[in-house]
Amino acid sequence: MMQASLAEAESLVLKAAVGAGLEPGLASLSARATRWLCQYGLPGTRLVVRALTNWLERRSVGVKWTGGTKLSAVTENQMVSVLYAGAVVIDHRSLVRAPITVTSPDEPLLLLAMVAHAIGDGPVEITWPDSSSNRQGLQVDNDGCTFLG
């Protein structure tokens, strides 16, 4: 099995994302999130490949605001592309310190990495309901990832 350094993984994802048609800023955000995931031993490259594939094959779409702090897909009954939602969440969080809901993200763990990397040392929590309506999710801080629920 081939091993790549964190820098190589980030560089390859950046090239792939730009090649897939993402704007340079979004491609860079995706690449940094991939590096962040890989640094914790999580499958960052696999997640970003799935997110890019979802976007290219139109299984996921861009986002729109549907209320004060809720992001939804621009097309009904489709997943939200975290490639776009990540940038919106980060930009919004820097302006308004309030919880944000992203409905039906295609790759929630990649979204977590985007937000966690952007925030830096602060704690990040992403939760979602499971089929029994309990909250599950992940919490990230300087000590690593903790599963909730």
N, C-alpha and C. Protein backbone atom coordinates (compact mmCIF):
# COMPACT_ATOMS: atom_id res chain seq x y z
N MET A 1 0.84 -1.17 0.00
CA MET A 1 0.00 0.00 0.00
C MET A 1 0.89 1.24 0.00
N MET A 2 0.53 2.21 -0.83
CA MET A 2 1.30 3.43 -0.93
C MET A 2 0.98 4.37 0.24
N GLN A 3 2.01 4.94 0.84
CA GLN A 3 1.85 5.92 1.90
C GLN A 3 2.22 7.29 1.37
N ALA A 4 1.49 8.30 1.75
CA ALA A 4 1.79 9.66 1.34
C ALA A 4 1.94 10.53 2.58
N SER A 5 2.81 11.52 2.49
CA SER A 5 2.94 12.45 3.61
C SER A 5 1.70 13.34 3.66
N LEU A 6 1.54 14.03 4.76
CA LEU A 6 0.40 14.95 4.88
C LEU A 6 0.47 16.03 3.81
N ALA A 7 1.68 16.52 3.53
CA ALA A 7 1.84 17.56 2.51
C ALA A 7 1.48 17.02 1.12
N GLU A 8 1.87 15.77 0.84
CA GLU A 8 1.53 15.18 -0.46
C GLU A 8 0.02 14.99 -0.60
N ALA A 9 -0.62 14.52 0.45
CA ALA A 9 -2.07 14.33 0.41
C ALA A 9 -2.76 15.67 0.16
N GLU A 10 -2.33 16.70 0.87
CA GLU A 10 -2.93 18.03 0.70
C GLU A 10 -2.72 18.55 -0.72
N SER A 11 -1.51 18.38 -1.24
CA SER A 11 -1.19 18.86 -2.59
C SER A 11 -2.00 18.13 -3.66
N LEU A 12 -2.10 16.82 -3.53
CA LEU A 12 -2.85 16.03 -4.52
C LEU A 12 -4.34 16.36 -4.49
N VAL A 13 -4.89 16.56 -3.31
CA VAL A 13 -6.30 16.93 -3.21
C VAL A 13 -6.53 18.31 -3.81
N LEU A 14 -5.63 19.23 -3.56
CA LEU A 14 -5.75 20.58 -4.15
C LEU A 14 -5.80 20.49 -5.67
N LYS A 15 -4.89 19.72 -6.25
CA LYS A 15 -4.85 19.57 -7.71
C LYS A 15 -6.12 18.89 -8.23
N ALA A 16 -6.57 17.85 -7.53
CA ALA A 16 -7.77 17.14 -7.97
C ALA A 16 -9.01 18.03 -7.88
N ALA A 17 -9.11 18.80 -6.81
CA ALA A 17 -10.28 19.66 -6.64
C ALA A 17 -10.32 20.77 -7.69
N VAL A 18 -9.18 21.37 -7.97
CA VAL A 18 -9.13 22.39 -9.03
C VAL A 18 -9.45 21.75 -10.37
N GLY A 19 -8.89 20.56 -10.61
CA GLY A 19 -9.17 19.84 -11.85
C GLY A 19 -10.63 19.47 -12.01
N ALA A 20 -11.32 19.26 -10.88
CA ALA A 20 -12.75 18.93 -10.92
C ALA A 20 -13.62 20.16 -11.11
N GLY A 21 -12.99 21.35 -11.08
CA GLY A 21 -13.74 22.57 -11.33
C GLY A 21 -14.06 23.43 -10.12
N LEU A 22 -13.56 23.05 -8.95
CA LEU A 22 -13.79 23.90 -7.77
C LEU A 22 -12.97 25.18 -7.88
N GLU A 23 -13.52 26.26 -7.36
CA GLU A 23 -12.77 27.51 -7.29
C GLU A 23 -11.55 27.29 -6.40
N PRO A 24 -10.44 28.02 -6.65
CA PRO A 24 -9.21 27.80 -5.89
C PRO A 24 -9.38 27.88 -4.37
N GLY A 25 -10.17 28.81 -3.87
CA GLY A 25 -10.37 28.92 -2.43
C GLY A 25 -11.06 27.71 -1.84
N LEU A 26 -12.07 27.20 -2.54
CA LEU A 26 -12.78 26.00 -2.07
C LEU A 26 -11.90 24.77 -2.17
N ALA A 27 -11.10 24.71 -3.24
CA ALA A 27 -10.16 23.60 -3.40
C ALA A 27 -9.14 23.59 -2.27
N SER A 28 -8.65 24.77 -1.92
CA SER A 28 -7.67 24.89 -0.84
C SER A 28 -8.29 24.48 0.50
N LEU A 29 -9.51 24.89 0.74
CA LEU A 29 -10.22 24.52 1.97
C LEU A 29 -10.37 23.00 2.06
N SER A 30 -10.73 22.37 0.95
CA SER A 30 -10.88 20.91 0.91
C SER A 30 -9.55 20.22 1.16
N ALA A 31 -8.48 20.76 0.59
CA ALA A 31 -7.15 20.17 0.77
C ALA A 31 -6.69 20.27 2.22
N ARG A 32 -6.90 21.42 2.84
CA ARG A 32 -6.50 21.59 4.24
C ARG A 32 -7.32 20.68 5.16
N ALA A 33 -8.60 20.52 4.85
CA ALA A 33 -9.44 19.62 5.65
C ALA A 33 -8.98 18.17 5.51
N THR A 34 -8.56 17.80 4.31
CA THR A 34 -8.06 16.45 4.09
C THR A 34 -6.81 16.21 4.93
N ARG A 35 -5.90 17.17 4.91
CA ARG A 35 -4.68 17.06 5.71
C ARG A 35 -5.04 16.92 7.20
N TRP A 36 -6.00 17.72 7.66
CA TRP A 36 -6.41 17.69 9.06
C TRP A 36 -6.93 16.29 9.43
N LEU A 37 -7.77 15.72 8.58
CA LEU A 37 -8.31 14.39 8.84
C LEU A 37 -7.20 13.34 8.85
N CYS A 38 -6.32 13.39 7.86
CA CYS A 38 -5.23 12.41 7.78
C CYS A 38 -4.32 12.49 9.00
N GLN A 39 -4.13 13.69 9.51
CA GLN A 39 -3.28 13.89 10.69
C GLN A 39 -3.84 13.15 11.90
N TYR A 40 -5.16 12.96 11.96
CA TYR A 40 -5.79 12.21 13.04
C TYR A 40 -6.03 10.75 12.67
N GLY A 41 -5.46 10.31 11.57
CA GLY A 41 -5.61 8.92 11.16
C GLY A 41 -6.96 8.59 10.55
N LEU A 42 -7.69 9.61 10.12
CA LEU A 42 -9.01 9.41 9.50
C LEU A 42 -8.87 9.42 7.98
N PRO A 43 -9.81 8.83 7.26
CA PRO A 43 -9.69 8.65 5.80
C PRO A 43 -10.00 9.93 5.00
N GLY A 44 -9.18 10.96 5.17
CA GLY A 44 -9.43 12.24 4.52
C GLY A 44 -9.48 12.18 3.01
N THR A 45 -8.53 11.46 2.41
CA THR A 45 -8.51 11.41 0.94
C THR A 45 -9.74 10.69 0.40
N ARG A 46 -10.16 9.63 1.06
CA ARG A 46 -11.35 8.90 0.62
C ARG A 46 -12.60 9.78 0.71
N LEU A 47 -12.70 10.55 1.79
CA LEU A 47 -13.87 11.42 1.98
C LEU A 47 -13.93 12.52 0.93
N VAL A 48 -12.80 13.14 0.63
CA VAL A 48 -12.82 14.23 -0.35
C VAL A 48 -13.06 13.68 -1.75
N VAL A 49 -12.57 12.49 -2.05
CA VAL A 49 -12.86 11.89 -3.36
C VAL A 49 -14.36 11.64 -3.48
N ARG A 50 -14.98 11.13 -2.42
CA ARG A 50 -16.44 10.92 -2.46
C ARG A 50 -17.19 12.23 -2.61
N ALA A 51 -16.75 13.27 -1.89
CA ALA A 51 -17.41 14.58 -1.99
C ALA A 51 -17.27 15.15 -3.39
N LEU A 52 -16.09 15.04 -3.98
CA LEU A 52 -15.89 15.52 -5.36
C LEU A 52 -16.74 14.72 -6.34
N THR A 53 -16.80 13.41 -6.15
CA THR A 53 -17.61 12.56 -7.02
C THR A 53 -19.09 12.92 -6.88
N ASN A 54 -19.55 13.11 -5.65
CA ASN A 54 -20.95 13.51 -5.44
C ASN A 54 -21.25 14.80 -6.18
N TRP A 55 -20.35 15.77 -6.10
CA TRP A 55 -20.55 17.06 -6.76
C TRP A 55 -20.55 16.88 -8.28
N LEU A 56 -19.56 16.17 -8.81
CA LEU A 56 -19.45 16.01 -10.26
C LEU A 56 -20.63 15.23 -10.84
N GLU A 57 -21.12 14.25 -10.09
CA GLU A 57 -22.25 13.44 -10.56
C GLU A 57 -23.59 14.01 -10.12
N ARG A 58 -23.58 15.20 -9.57
CA ARG A 58 -24.78 15.95 -9.15
C ARG A 58 -25.64 15.23 -8.11
N ARG A 59 -24.97 14.41 -7.28
CA ARG A 59 -25.68 13.81 -6.14
C ARG A 59 -25.72 14.78 -4.96
N SER A 60 -24.82 15.77 -5.00
CA SER A 60 -24.85 16.83 -4.00
C SER A 60 -24.81 18.17 -4.73
N VAL A 61 -25.38 19.18 -4.08
CA VAL A 61 -25.51 20.49 -4.73
C VAL A 61 -25.07 21.59 -3.77
N GLY A 62 -25.06 22.81 -4.27
CA GLY A 62 -24.71 23.97 -3.46
C GLY A 62 -25.74 24.23 -2.37
N VAL A 63 -25.53 25.30 -1.62
CA VAL A 63 -26.36 25.58 -0.45
C VAL A 63 -27.08 26.92 -0.58
N LYS A 64 -28.14 27.03 0.21
CA LYS A 64 -28.86 28.30 0.34
C LYS A 64 -29.29 28.44 1.79
N TRP A 65 -29.45 29.67 2.24
CA TRP A 65 -29.96 29.91 3.59
C TRP A 65 -31.47 29.70 3.59
N THR A 66 -31.96 28.92 4.55
CA THR A 66 -33.40 28.74 4.71
C THR A 66 -33.75 29.04 6.16
N GLY A 67 -33.60 30.26 6.51
CA GLY A 67 -33.80 30.68 7.89
C GLY A 67 -32.51 31.31 8.39
N GLY A 68 -32.56 31.85 9.57
CA GLY A 68 -31.42 32.57 10.11
C GLY A 68 -30.12 31.80 10.19
N THR A 69 -30.18 30.53 10.58
CA THR A 69 -28.94 29.76 10.77
C THR A 69 -29.05 28.36 10.17
N LYS A 70 -29.80 28.20 9.10
CA LYS A 70 -29.99 26.87 8.51
C LYS A 70 -29.59 26.90 7.04
N LEU A 71 -28.72 25.95 6.65
CA LEU A 71 -28.30 25.79 5.26
C LEU A 71 -28.94 24.54 4.69
N SER A 72 -29.53 24.66 3.52
CA SER A 72 -30.17 23.53 2.84
C SER A 72 -29.66 23.46 1.41
N ALA A 73 -29.94 22.35 0.76
CA ALA A 73 -29.57 22.18 -0.65
C ALA A 73 -30.37 23.14 -1.52
N VAL A 74 -29.73 23.65 -2.58
CA VAL A 74 -30.44 24.57 -3.48
C VAL A 74 -31.52 23.85 -4.27
N THR A 75 -31.41 22.53 -4.38
CA THR A 75 -32.41 21.71 -5.05
C THR A 75 -33.01 20.76 -4.02
N GLU A 76 -34.33 20.68 -3.96
CA GLU A 76 -34.98 19.81 -2.98
C GLU A 76 -34.59 18.35 -3.18
N ASN A 77 -34.61 17.61 -2.08
CA ASN A 77 -34.35 16.17 -2.07
C ASN A 77 -32.95 15.81 -2.55
N GLN A 78 -31.99 16.69 -2.33
CA GLN A 78 -30.60 16.37 -2.66
C GLN A 78 -29.73 16.66 -1.45
N MET A 79 -28.56 16.03 -1.43
CA MET A 79 -27.61 16.27 -0.35
C MET A 79 -26.92 17.62 -0.56
N VAL A 80 -26.50 18.21 0.54
CA VAL A 80 -25.71 19.44 0.50
C VAL A 80 -24.24 19.06 0.28
N SER A 81 -23.60 19.71 -0.66
CA SER A 81 -22.17 19.48 -0.88
C SER A 81 -21.38 20.20 0.20
N VAL A 82 -20.61 19.44 0.99
CA VAL A 82 -19.80 20.08 2.02
C VAL A 82 -18.66 20.88 1.41
N LEU A 83 -18.35 20.65 0.15
CA LEU A 83 -17.32 21.44 -0.52
C LEU A 83 -17.71 22.91 -0.54
N TYR A 84 -19.00 23.18 -0.61
CA TYR A 84 -19.51 24.55 -0.59
C TYR A 84 -19.99 24.95 0.80
N ALA A 85 -20.66 24.03 1.49
CA ALA A 85 -21.20 24.35 2.81
C ALA A 85 -20.10 24.70 3.80
N GLY A 86 -18.95 24.04 3.69
CA GLY A 86 -17.85 24.33 4.61
C GLY A 86 -17.44 25.78 4.59
N ALA A 87 -17.30 26.34 3.40
CA ALA A 87 -16.90 27.74 3.28
C ALA A 87 -17.96 28.67 3.85
N VAL A 88 -19.22 28.36 3.60
CA VAL A 88 -20.31 29.20 4.10
C VAL A 88 -20.35 29.16 5.63
N VAL A 89 -20.21 27.97 6.20
CA VAL A 89 -20.24 27.84 7.66
C VAL A 89 -19.08 28.61 8.28
N ILE A 90 -17.90 28.47 7.72
CA ILE A 90 -16.72 29.16 8.26
C ILE A 90 -16.89 30.67 8.18
N ASP A 91 -17.33 31.16 7.03
CA ASP A 91 -17.53 32.60 6.88
C ASP A 91 -18.60 33.12 7.84
N HIS A 92 -19.69 32.37 7.97
CA HIS A 92 -20.78 32.79 8.86
C HIS A 92 -20.32 32.76 10.31
N ARG A 93 -19.60 31.73 10.68
CA ARG A 93 -19.15 31.59 12.08
C ARG A 93 -18.24 32.74 12.48
N SER A 94 -17.43 33.23 11.55
CA SER A 94 -16.54 34.33 11.90
C SER A 94 -17.32 35.62 12.14
N LEU A 95 -18.52 35.71 11.59
CA LEU A 95 -19.35 36.91 11.75
C LEU A 95 -20.36 36.78 12.89
N VAL A 96 -20.94 35.60 13.05
CA VAL A 96 -22.01 35.38 14.02
C VAL A 96 -21.69 34.13 14.83
N ARG A 97 -21.54 34.27 16.11
CA ARG A 97 -21.23 33.12 16.97
C ARG A 97 -22.52 32.43 17.41
N ALA A 98 -23.13 31.70 16.49
CA ALA A 98 -24.38 30.99 16.79
C ALA A 98 -24.32 29.63 16.11
N PRO A 99 -25.01 28.63 16.66
CA PRO A 99 -25.05 27.32 16.00
C PRO A 99 -25.64 27.44 14.59
N ILE A 100 -25.13 26.62 13.70
CA ILE A 100 -25.60 26.58 12.31
C ILE A 100 -26.04 25.16 12.01
N THR A 101 -27.17 25.00 11.35
CA THR A 101 -27.66 23.69 10.93
C THR A 101 -27.42 23.53 9.44
N VAL A 102 -26.78 22.42 9.07
CA VAL A 102 -26.60 22.07 7.66
C VAL A 102 -27.42 20.80 7.44
N THR A 103 -28.45 20.88 6.60
CA THR A 103 -29.31 19.72 6.38
C THR A 103 -28.69 18.81 5.32
N SER A 104 -28.68 17.53 5.56
CA SER A 104 -28.26 16.49 4.61
C SER A 104 -26.90 16.73 3.98
N PRO A 105 -25.83 16.92 4.78
CA PRO A 105 -24.51 17.07 4.17
C PRO A 105 -24.04 15.73 3.60
N ASP A 106 -23.35 15.76 2.47
CA ASP A 106 -22.93 14.50 1.86
C ASP A 106 -21.77 13.85 2.62
N GLU A 107 -20.87 14.61 3.20
CA GLU A 107 -19.73 14.06 3.95
C GLU A 107 -19.54 14.85 5.25
N PRO A 108 -20.31 14.53 6.30
CA PRO A 108 -20.25 15.32 7.54
C PRO A 108 -18.86 15.39 8.17
N LEU A 109 -18.09 14.32 8.09
CA LEU A 109 -16.76 14.33 8.70
C LEU A 109 -15.83 15.32 7.99
N LEU A 110 -15.97 15.45 6.68
CA LEU A 110 -15.18 16.43 5.95
C LEU A 110 -15.59 17.85 6.35
N LEU A 111 -16.87 18.06 6.56
CA LEU A 111 -17.36 19.36 7.04
C LEU A 111 -16.77 19.67 8.42
N LEU A 112 -16.75 18.69 9.30
CA LEU A 112 -16.16 18.86 10.62
C LEU A 112 -14.71 19.29 10.50
N ALA A 113 -13.96 18.64 9.63
CA ALA A 113 -12.54 18.97 9.46
C ALA A 113 -12.36 20.39 8.94
N MET A 114 -13.20 20.82 8.02
CA MET A 114 -13.10 22.18 7.49
C MET A 114 -13.30 23.20 8.61
N VAL A 115 -14.33 22.99 9.41
CA VAL A 115 -14.64 23.93 10.48
C VAL A 115 -13.57 23.87 11.57
N ALA A 116 -13.17 22.67 11.96
CA ALA A 116 -12.16 22.52 13.02
C ALA A 116 -10.84 23.16 12.61
N HIS A 117 -10.42 22.96 11.38
CA HIS A 117 -9.17 23.56 10.91
C HIS A 117 -9.26 25.08 10.92
N ALA A 118 -10.38 25.61 10.50
CA ALA A 118 -10.55 27.07 10.44
C ALA A 118 -10.58 27.69 11.83
N ILE A 119 -11.17 27.00 12.79
CA ILE A 119 -11.29 27.54 14.14
C ILE A 119 -9.96 27.45 14.88
N GLY A 120 -9.17 26.44 14.57
CA GLY A 120 -7.87 26.31 15.22
C GLY A 120 -7.96 25.59 16.54
N ASP A 121 -7.65 26.29 17.62
CA ASP A 121 -7.55 25.66 18.93
C ASP A 121 -8.88 25.51 19.66
N GLY A 122 -9.93 26.16 19.20
CA GLY A 122 -11.21 26.10 19.89
C GLY A 122 -11.92 24.78 19.68
N PRO A 123 -12.82 24.42 20.59
CA PRO A 123 -13.58 23.18 20.42
C PRO A 123 -14.64 23.31 19.32
N VAL A 124 -14.93 22.20 18.66
CA VAL A 124 -15.93 22.14 17.60
C VAL A 124 -16.82 20.94 17.89
N GLU A 125 -18.12 21.09 17.68
CA GLU A 125 -19.03 19.97 17.86
C GLU A 125 -20.00 19.94 16.70
N ILE A 126 -20.11 18.78 16.08
CA ILE A 126 -21.09 18.56 15.02
C ILE A 126 -21.96 17.39 15.47
N THR A 127 -23.27 17.59 15.48
CA THR A 127 -24.18 16.53 15.89
C THR A 127 -25.22 16.29 14.82
N TRP A 128 -25.82 15.12 14.85
CA TRP A 128 -26.89 14.79 13.93
C TRP A 128 -27.81 13.79 14.61
N PRO A 129 -29.10 13.77 14.25
CA PRO A 129 -30.01 12.81 14.86
C PRO A 129 -29.86 11.44 14.19
N ASP A 130 -29.93 10.39 15.00
CA ASP A 130 -29.97 9.06 14.40
C ASP A 130 -31.43 8.65 14.23
N SER A 131 -31.67 7.43 13.80
CA SER A 131 -33.04 6.99 13.51
C SER A 131 -33.93 6.97 14.74
N SER A 132 -33.35 6.90 15.95
CA SER A 132 -34.16 6.92 17.17
C SER A 132 -34.30 8.33 17.74
N SER A 133 -33.92 9.33 16.95
CA SER A 133 -34.01 10.75 17.32
C SER A 133 -33.07 11.16 18.45
N ASN A 134 -32.08 10.33 18.75
CA ASN A 134 -31.04 10.72 19.69
C ASN A 134 -29.98 11.52 18.95
N ARG A 135 -29.25 12.35 19.67
CA ARG A 135 -28.19 13.12 19.03
C ARG A 135 -26.90 12.31 19.05
N GLN A 136 -26.27 12.25 17.90
CA GLN A 136 -24.95 11.63 17.79
C GLN A 136 -24.04 12.65 17.14
N GLY A 137 -22.76 12.37 17.11
CA GLY A 137 -21.87 13.28 16.43
C GLY A 137 -20.45 13.15 16.89
N LEU A 138 -19.69 14.21 16.67
CA LEU A 138 -18.28 14.25 17.02
C LEU A 138 -17.98 15.57 17.69
N GLN A 139 -17.04 15.52 18.63
CA GLN A 139 -16.53 16.74 19.23
C GLN A 139 -15.03 16.71 19.05
N VAL A 140 -14.46 17.83 18.64
CA VAL A 140 -13.03 17.90 18.38
C VAL A 140 -12.43 19.01 19.22
N ASP A 141 -11.30 18.70 19.86
CA ASP A 141 -10.52 19.73 20.53
C ASP A 141 -9.05 19.36 20.38
N ASN A 142 -8.18 20.01 21.11
CA ASN A 142 -6.75 19.77 20.95
C ASN A 142 -6.33 18.35 21.31
N ASP A 143 -7.14 17.65 22.09
CA ASP A 143 -6.80 16.30 22.50
C ASP A 143 -7.25 15.23 21.51
N GLY A 144 -8.00 15.58 20.48
CA GLY A 144 -8.44 14.62 19.49
C GLY A 144 -9.93 14.66 19.27
N CYS A 145 -10.46 13.56 18.75
CA CYS A 145 -11.89 13.46 18.41
C CYS A 145 -12.60 12.60 19.46
N THR A 146 -13.80 12.99 19.83
CA THR A 146 -14.63 12.23 20.75
C THR A 146 -15.97 11.99 20.08
N PHE A 147 -16.41 10.75 20.08
CA PHE A 147 -17.73 10.44 19.54
C PHE A 147 -18.78 10.74 20.60
N LEU A 148 -19.88 11.36 20.20
CA LEU A 148 -20.97 11.68 21.11
C LEU A 148 -22.13 10.72 20.87
N GLY A 149 -22.92 10.45 21.89
CA GLY A 149 -24.14 9.68 21.70
C GLY A 149 -24.02 8.23 21.87
